[in-house]
Protein backbone atom coordinates (compact mmCIF):
# COMPACT_ATOMS: atom_id res chain seq x y z
CA UNK A 1 120.92 127.99 111.61
CA UNK A 2 122.33 124.89 109.93
CA UNK A 3 120.13 122.08 108.73
CA UNK A 4 120.79 118.72 110.41
CA UNK A 5 120.61 115.62 108.25
CA UNK A 6 119.04 112.57 109.95
CA UNK A 7 121.82 110.27 108.71
CA UNK A 8 124.42 112.55 110.31
CA UNK A 9 122.57 112.35 113.64
CA UNK A 10 122.57 108.55 113.38
CA UNK A 11 126.26 108.44 112.51
CA UNK A 12 126.98 110.62 115.55
CA UNK A 13 125.02 108.14 117.70
CA UNK A 14 127.04 105.07 116.66
CA UNK A 15 127.76 102.91 119.74
CA UNK A 16 125.05 104.74 121.74
CA UNK A 17 121.94 103.00 123.04
CA UNK A 18 118.90 104.12 121.02
CA UNK A 19 115.20 103.24 120.95
CA UNK A 20 113.28 102.52 117.76
CA UNK A 21 109.54 102.18 117.20
CA UNK A 22 108.39 100.25 114.15
CA UNK A 23 105.24 100.83 112.11
CA UNK A 24 103.72 97.70 113.72
CA UNK A 25 104.09 99.47 117.12
CA UNK A 26 106.92 97.26 118.46
CA UNK A 27 109.72 99.09 120.28
CA UNK A 28 113.35 97.96 120.29
CA UNK A 29 116.30 99.26 122.27
CA UNK A 30 119.97 98.50 121.68
CA UNK A 31 123.42 99.79 120.84
CA UNK A 32 123.56 101.24 117.32
CA UNK A 33 126.38 99.52 115.43
CA UNK A 34 125.58 100.41 111.79
CA UNK A 35 123.38 102.65 109.69
CA UNK A 36 123.11 103.41 105.99
CA UNK A 37 121.52 106.01 103.71
CA UNK A 38 118.27 103.98 103.63
CA UNK A 39 118.08 104.21 107.46
CA UNK A 40 118.62 100.45 107.79
CA UNK A 41 120.00 99.98 111.30
CA UNK A 42 121.88 97.25 113.11
CA UNK A 43 121.58 97.02 116.89
CA UNK A 44 123.75 94.99 119.26
CA UNK A 45 122.38 93.70 122.59
CA UNK A 46 118.89 94.47 121.26
CA UNK A 47 115.78 94.11 123.41
CA UNK A 48 112.11 94.28 122.51
CA UNK A 49 110.28 96.52 124.96
CA UNK A 50 106.59 96.22 125.85
CA UNK A 51 104.95 98.40 128.53
CA UNK A 52 108.38 99.45 129.87
CA UNK A 53 109.39 95.78 130.38
CA UNK A 54 111.82 93.66 128.37
CA UNK A 55 109.72 91.23 126.33
CA UNK A 56 112.56 89.52 124.44
CA UNK A 57 116.34 89.77 124.11
CA UNK A 58 118.22 89.47 120.83
CA UNK A 59 121.93 89.41 120.17
CA UNK A 60 122.15 91.43 116.98
CA UNK A 61 119.17 92.83 115.12
CA UNK A 62 118.77 94.37 111.65
CA UNK A 63 115.87 96.79 111.20
CA UNK A 64 114.85 97.93 107.72
CA UNK A 65 114.53 101.66 107.35
CA UNK A 66 111.14 101.52 105.64
CA UNK A 67 109.64 99.85 108.75
CA UNK A 68 110.82 102.52 111.20
CA UNK A 69 108.28 104.98 112.60
CA UNK A 70 110.65 106.91 114.88
CA UNK A 71 114.13 106.76 116.42
CA UNK A 72 115.01 108.14 119.84
CA UNK A 73 118.65 109.18 120.19
CA UNK A 74 120.06 110.21 123.58
CA UNK A 75 121.18 113.82 123.86
């Protein structure tokens, strides 16, 4: 069984819509446009989600890797 690197999974998800939860419990959803080895991510058409509702819409959003709790990538 081969080991899967998290950065490789992110690179494979470029241009896919992903969800991200931050350490402060906020959840964002958007199209992944960039990622780096520090897990810094850039989302396009980003939305902040609260209780399954859109709380705010952002054009482009940069999320620092050290603030990310989890990332949900579609299968």
